[in-house]
Amino acid sequence: MQFPLVRIVVAILFLGIGVLVAQTILNLLRSAFSITDLGTANILAFVLITPFTYFAYWMYVRTIEKRDLSELGFSGAPREFSLGSLTGVGLFALVIATLWLLGYYRVGGFSFVLLTFVGALLGAFASGFAQELIFRAVIYRITEEWLGTWWAIAISALLFGLIHLTSAGATVFSALAVALQAGVLLAAAYALTHRLWLALGIHVGWDFANDGVFGVGVAGQSGQSLPGLLKATLSGPGLLTGDRLGVEASVITVVIMVIAGIILLRMAKQNGQILSPRNVRIQE
């Protein structure tokens, strides 16, 4: 199958079926056993969504592209994922530290519930894995082969921002913020390695820090606050705190993440990982 747009659509259909089957089973289990606890639901999501989406993507690659799954190869995966996770947590901590220094972030206590903590971590992995498969392994990778690295970054980042318009209270500005920060940074991470693990680690580390650690997480679909290790509050100008959309809509976050993305892109260029259309490497 040679047509890039067709490959993207077919790959997303494969993944969509995997997510749909996993989500259906998850909903049935939650209904059958009256599971309302968020931690338990997140653990179930990890158990179901991760293997189903992996298998769906593996099926697509093996049957349609007829090649090995190099972007998800396990050699070096622990190192890349760990480095990415530390980077994601570190970047989020830097945003929080900046808000704290400005007096907009305040901690009022500490709360550790093991089930909630583990659920936040595994839920971040399940969500991040499915999104990275769609936006980096499919949309970014195939677009890069077709149009080159720069167009792949722009298109995948824009689509990543647009999908966040489905979040509760989302605005054009918040979607653009997500596109500029996470969309560019995660695409840059994939460009640097041409494997999924570094980008996935950053994604998971960021979401876990947001949803499970610093107490400022906001559920995407409902807009409800998520519990974290720290009981914290944000107050101040919405442009800086992100207001009800959380710190992901903060200008501070955009600046920090864009700088990080530029650093990764410079590293990718130095390593000869910037591709021109049809997979021809641009040498300095």
Protein backbone atom coordinates (compact mmCIF):
# COMPACT_ATOMS: atom_id res chain seq x y z
CA MET A 1 0.00 0.00 0.00
CA GLN A 2 1.82 3.09 -1.30
CA PHE A 3 -0.58 5.99 -0.69
CA PRO A 4 0.39 7.72 2.61
CA LEU A 5 -3.07 9.11 3.40
CA VAL A 6 -4.65 5.71 2.85
CA ARG A 7 -2.04 4.08 5.10
CA ILE A 8 -2.74 6.62 7.84
CA VAL A 9 -6.49 6.06 7.63
CA VAL A 10 -6.13 2.27 7.61
CA ALA A 11 -3.69 2.32 10.56
CA ILE A 12 -6.03 4.54 12.59
CA LEU A 13 -8.90 2.17 11.79
CA PHE A 14 -6.86 -0.76 13.13
CA LEU A 15 -6.04 1.19 16.29
CA GLY A 16 -9.58 2.50 16.61
CA ILE A 17 -10.93 -1.04 16.63
CA GLY A 18 -8.38 -2.01 19.28
CA VAL A 19 -9.35 0.94 21.49
CA LEU A 20 -13.07 0.32 20.93
CA VAL A 21 -12.85 -3.35 21.92
CA ALA A 22 -10.75 -2.55 25.01
CA GLN A 23 -13.04 0.32 26.05
CA THR A 24 -16.15 -1.81 25.58
CA ILE A 25 -14.74 -4.56 27.80
CA LEU A 26 -13.68 -1.94 30.34
CA ASN A 27 -17.16 -0.41 30.44
CA LEU A 28 -18.77 -3.84 30.84
CA LEU A 29 -16.46 -4.72 33.72
CA ARG A 30 -17.05 -1.39 35.45
CA SER A 31 -20.80 -1.86 35.10
CA ALA A 32 -20.83 -5.52 36.14
CA PHE A 33 -18.70 -4.95 39.25
CA SER A 34 -19.93 -1.39 40.02
CA ILE A 35 -16.41 0.04 39.75
CA THR A 36 -16.54 3.78 40.38
CA ASP A 37 -13.11 4.30 41.92
CA LEU A 38 -10.83 6.17 39.49
CA GLY A 39 -7.71 4.29 40.57
CA THR A 40 -9.22 0.88 39.86
CA ALA A 41 -10.66 2.11 36.55
CA ASN A 42 -7.23 3.37 35.48
CA ILE A 43 -5.58 0.06 36.34
CA LEU A 44 -8.19 -1.80 34.29
CA ALA A 45 -7.62 0.64 31.42
CA PHE A 46 -3.92 -0.17 31.50
CA VAL A 47 -4.56 -3.92 31.53
CA LEU A 48 -6.94 -3.70 28.57
CA ILE A 49 -6.01 -0.73 26.38
CA THR A 50 -2.24 -1.28 26.30
CA PRO A 51 -2.21 -4.85 24.92
CA PHE A 52 -5.19 -4.31 22.61
CA THR A 53 -3.69 -1.23 20.98
CA TYR A 54 -0.26 -2.84 20.74
CA PHE A 55 -1.74 -5.90 19.04
CA ALA A 56 -3.83 -3.72 16.69
CA TYR A 57 -0.77 -1.73 15.62
CA TRP A 58 1.31 -4.91 15.26
CA MET A 59 -1.41 -6.39 13.05
CA TYR A 60 -1.43 -3.28 10.87
CA VAL A 61 2.34 -3.19 10.44
CA ARG A 62 2.64 -6.92 9.72
CA THR A 63 -0.33 -7.22 7.35
CA ILE A 64 -0.31 -3.85 5.56
CA GLU A 65 3.27 -2.54 5.69
CA LYS A 66 4.76 -6.05 5.91
CA ARG A 67 7.82 -5.15 8.00
CA ASP A 68 9.28 -5.54 11.46
CA LEU A 69 8.00 -3.31 14.26
CA SER A 70 11.27 -1.38 14.61
CA GLU A 71 9.71 1.72 16.22
CA LEU A 72 8.56 -0.48 19.11
CA GLY A 73 11.64 -2.69 19.35
CA PHE A 74 12.51 -3.60 22.93
CA SER A 75 16.27 -3.20 22.63
CA GLY A 76 17.12 0.04 24.42
CA ALA A 77 13.47 0.63 25.30
CA PRO A 78 13.95 0.74 29.11
CA ARG A 79 16.69 3.38 28.83
CA GLU A 80 14.75 5.57 26.37
CA PHE A 81 11.48 5.26 28.28
CA SER A 82 13.16 6.01 31.63
CA LEU A 83 14.97 9.04 30.19
CA GLY A 84 11.72 10.27 28.68
CA SER A 85 9.78 9.75 31.92
CA LEU A 86 12.34 11.73 33.91
CA THR A 87 12.22 14.46 31.30
CA GLY A 88 8.42 14.62 31.39
CA VAL A 89 8.28 14.79 35.20
CA GLY A 90 11.18 17.28 35.26
CA LEU A 91 9.54 19.63 32.76
CA PHE A 92 6.27 19.59 34.67
CA ALA A 93 8.13 20.20 37.94
CA LEU A 94 9.87 23.17 36.31
CA VAL A 95 6.50 24.65 35.36
CA ILE A 96 5.20 24.13 38.90
CA ALA A 97 8.38 25.60 40.42
CA THR A 98 7.97 28.71 38.27
CA LEU A 99 4.34 29.11 39.34
CA TRP A 100 5.35 28.57 42.98
CA LEU A 101 8.06 31.24 42.77
CA LEU A 102 5.48 33.64 41.33
CA GLY A 103 3.17 32.85 44.26
CA TYR A 104 0.46 31.23 42.14
CA TYR A 105 0.94 27.62 43.28
CA ARG A 106 0.35 26.75 46.93
CA VAL A 107 0.54 23.39 48.70
CA GLY A 108 -1.95 22.81 51.49
CA GLY A 109 -1.16 19.23 52.45
CA PHE A 110 -0.12 15.75 51.41
CA SER A 111 -2.21 12.69 50.63
CA PHE A 112 -1.01 9.26 49.59
CA VAL A 113 -3.53 6.62 48.54
CA LEU A 114 -1.72 3.68 46.95
CA LEU A 115 -4.57 2.68 44.64
CA THR A 116 -5.01 6.25 43.39
CA PHE A 117 -1.24 6.72 42.95
CA VAL A 118 -0.73 3.47 41.02
CA GLY A 119 -3.90 4.11 39.03
CA ALA A 120 -2.66 7.56 37.98
CA LEU A 121 0.63 6.06 36.79
CA LEU A 122 -0.89 3.15 34.87
CA GLY A 123 -3.70 5.31 33.51
CA ALA A 124 -1.12 7.80 32.21
CA PHE A 125 0.69 4.94 30.48
CA ALA A 126 -2.44 3.51 28.86
CA SER A 127 -3.60 6.90 27.60
CA GLY A 128 -0.13 7.96 26.49
CA PHE A 129 0.55 4.67 24.70
CA ALA A 130 -2.64 4.83 22.63
CA GLN A 131 -2.08 8.49 21.75
CA GLU A 132 1.58 8.00 20.85
CA LEU A 133 0.72 5.09 18.58
CA ILE A 134 -1.79 7.26 16.70
CA PHE A 135 0.02 10.59 16.57
CA ARG A 136 3.68 9.59 16.43
CA ALA A 137 3.88 5.97 15.19
CA VAL A 138 1.17 6.49 12.56
CA ILE A 139 0.55 10.16 11.69
CA TYR A 140 4.06 11.50 12.30
CA ARG A 141 5.99 8.51 10.92
CA ILE A 142 4.04 8.12 7.69
CA THR A 143 3.85 11.88 7.07
CA GLU A 144 7.60 12.17 7.61
CA GLU A 145 8.27 9.46 5.01
CA TRP A 146 5.98 11.33 2.64
CA LEU A 147 6.66 15.04 3.23
CA GLY A 148 9.73 15.16 5.48
CA THR A 149 10.36 15.97 9.13
CA TRP A 150 9.20 19.58 9.27
CA TRP A 151 5.81 18.95 7.70
CA ALA A 152 5.39 15.85 9.87
CA ILE A 153 6.02 17.90 13.01
CA ALA A 154 3.61 20.64 11.94
CA ILE A 155 0.79 18.32 10.87
CA SER A 156 1.03 15.87 13.80
CA ALA A 157 1.31 18.73 16.33
CA LEU A 158 -1.68 20.54 14.86
CA LEU A 159 -3.82 17.39 14.89
CA PHE A 160 -2.67 16.62 18.44
CA GLY A 161 -3.84 20.07 19.51
CA LEU A 162 -7.15 19.78 17.67
CA ILE A 163 -8.04 16.48 19.37
CA HIS A 164 -7.74 18.29 22.71
CA LEU A 165 -10.64 20.54 21.69
CA THR A 166 -12.80 17.67 22.95
CA SER A 167 -11.65 18.36 26.53
CA ALA A 168 -14.12 20.04 28.87
CA GLY A 169 -13.89 23.82 28.58
CA ALA A 170 -11.31 23.65 25.79
CA THR A 171 -10.72 26.75 23.67
CA VAL A 172 -8.86 27.49 20.45
CA PHE A 173 -6.07 28.97 22.58
CA SER A 174 -5.77 25.85 24.78
CA ALA A 175 -5.70 23.59 21.71
CA LEU A 176 -3.02 25.76 20.13
CA ALA A 177 -1.06 25.67 23.39
CA VAL A 178 -1.13 21.85 23.41
CA ALA A 179 -0.07 21.78 19.76
CA LEU A 180 2.88 24.12 20.37
CA GLN A 181 4.08 22.44 23.53
CA ALA A 182 3.31 18.74 23.67
CA GLY A 183 2.72 18.30 19.95
CA VAL A 184 6.08 19.77 18.98
CA LEU A 185 8.05 18.27 21.88
CA LEU A 186 6.75 14.73 21.41
CA ALA A 187 7.27 14.91 17.65
CA ALA A 188 10.83 16.13 18.28
CA ALA A 189 11.42 13.19 20.64
CA TYR A 190 10.30 10.78 17.93
CA ALA A 191 12.43 12.58 15.33
CA LEU A 192 15.49 12.20 17.55
CA THR A 193 15.19 8.42 17.93
CA HIS A 194 12.66 7.29 15.30
CA ARG A 195 11.36 5.00 18.01
CA LEU A 196 8.34 5.47 20.25
CA TRP A 197 9.85 4.99 23.70
CA LEU A 198 11.39 8.42 24.37
CA ALA A 199 8.23 10.26 23.28
CA LEU A 200 6.08 7.82 25.26
CA GLY A 201 8.19 8.32 28.37
CA ILE A 202 7.87 12.11 28.15
CA HIS A 203 4.13 11.81 27.62
CA VAL A 204 3.62 9.41 30.53
CA GLY A 205 5.94 11.33 32.86
CA TRP A 206 4.16 14.62 32.13
CA ASP A 207 0.65 13.20 32.54
CA PHE A 208 1.56 11.33 35.72
CA ALA A 209 3.11 14.44 37.29
CA ASN A 210 0.02 16.43 36.29
CA ASP A 211 -2.62 13.88 37.33
CA GLY A 212 -0.97 12.04 40.23
CA VAL A 213 1.69 14.16 41.89
CA PHE A 214 1.26 17.94 42.00
CA GLY A 215 -2.49 18.09 42.61
CA VAL A 216 -3.39 20.33 39.67
CA GLY A 217 -4.69 17.70 37.24
CA VAL A 218 -7.98 18.24 35.42
CA ALA A 219 -9.94 15.37 33.89
CA GLY A 220 -10.12 15.97 30.14
CA GLN A 221 -13.73 14.96 29.53
CA SER A 222 -15.39 16.10 32.76
CA GLY A 223 -13.18 19.01 33.79
CA GLN A 224 -13.12 17.70 37.38
CA SER A 225 -10.03 18.10 39.56
CA LEU A 226 -7.87 15.00 39.96
CA PRO A 227 -6.32 14.06 43.33
CA GLY A 228 -2.55 13.99 43.63
CA LEU A 229 0.14 13.37 46.21
CA LEU A 230 0.08 17.07 46.97
CA LYS A 231 -3.06 18.94 47.90
CA ALA A 232 -2.49 22.15 46.00
CA THR A 233 -4.27 25.16 44.57
CA LEU A 234 -3.55 27.47 41.66
CA SER A 235 -4.61 31.11 41.78
CA GLY A 236 -3.55 33.99 39.62
CA PRO A 237 -3.88 35.29 36.05
CA GLY A 238 -5.44 32.66 33.81
CA LEU A 239 -2.84 33.32 31.15
CA LEU A 240 -0.16 32.07 33.56
CA THR A 241 -2.04 29.44 35.57
CA GLY A 242 -4.17 28.02 32.75
CA ASP A 243 -7.30 28.81 34.79
CA ARG A 244 -9.85 25.95 34.85
CA LEU A 245 -8.07 24.12 32.03
CA GLY A 246 -5.00 23.50 34.19
CA VAL A 247 -1.34 24.35 33.69
CA GLU A 248 -1.26 22.78 30.23
CA ALA A 249 -3.01 25.95 29.01
CA SER A 250 -0.44 28.22 30.72
CA VAL A 251 1.87 30.46 28.70
CA ILE A 252 4.66 29.39 31.05
CA THR A 253 4.13 25.80 30.02
CA VAL A 254 4.17 26.72 26.34
CA VAL A 255 7.48 28.59 26.65
CA ILE A 256 9.22 25.84 28.63
CA MET A 257 7.98 23.03 26.39
CA VAL A 258 8.78 24.84 23.15
CA ILE A 259 12.34 25.45 24.37
CA ALA A 260 12.66 21.77 25.24
CA GLY A 261 11.31 20.84 21.80
CA ILE A 262 13.83 23.10 20.07
CA ILE A 263 16.66 21.48 22.05
CA LEU A 264 15.55 18.00 20.95
CA LEU A 265 15.22 19.15 17.34
CA ARG A 266 18.75 20.55 17.40
CA MET A 267 19.96 17.21 18.73
CA ALA A 268 18.05 15.42 15.98
CA LYS A 269 19.63 17.64 13.33
CA GLN A 270 23.11 17.09 14.74
CA ASN A 271 22.51 13.33 14.62
CA GLY A 272 21.31 13.44 11.02
CA GLN A 273 17.74 12.52 11.94
CA ILE A 274 16.01 15.30 10.00
CA LEU A 275 14.43 13.70 6.95
CA SER A 276 13.45 15.20 3.61
CA PRO A 277 10.52 13.82 1.61
CA ARG A 278 10.73 10.12 0.73
CA ASN A 279 13.05 9.39 3.60
CA VAL A 280 16.21 11.09 2.28
CA ARG A 281 18.37 12.29 5.16
CA ILE A 282 19.50 15.92 5.21
CA GLN A 283 23.16 16.13 6.08
CA GLU A 284 24.67 19.24 7.59
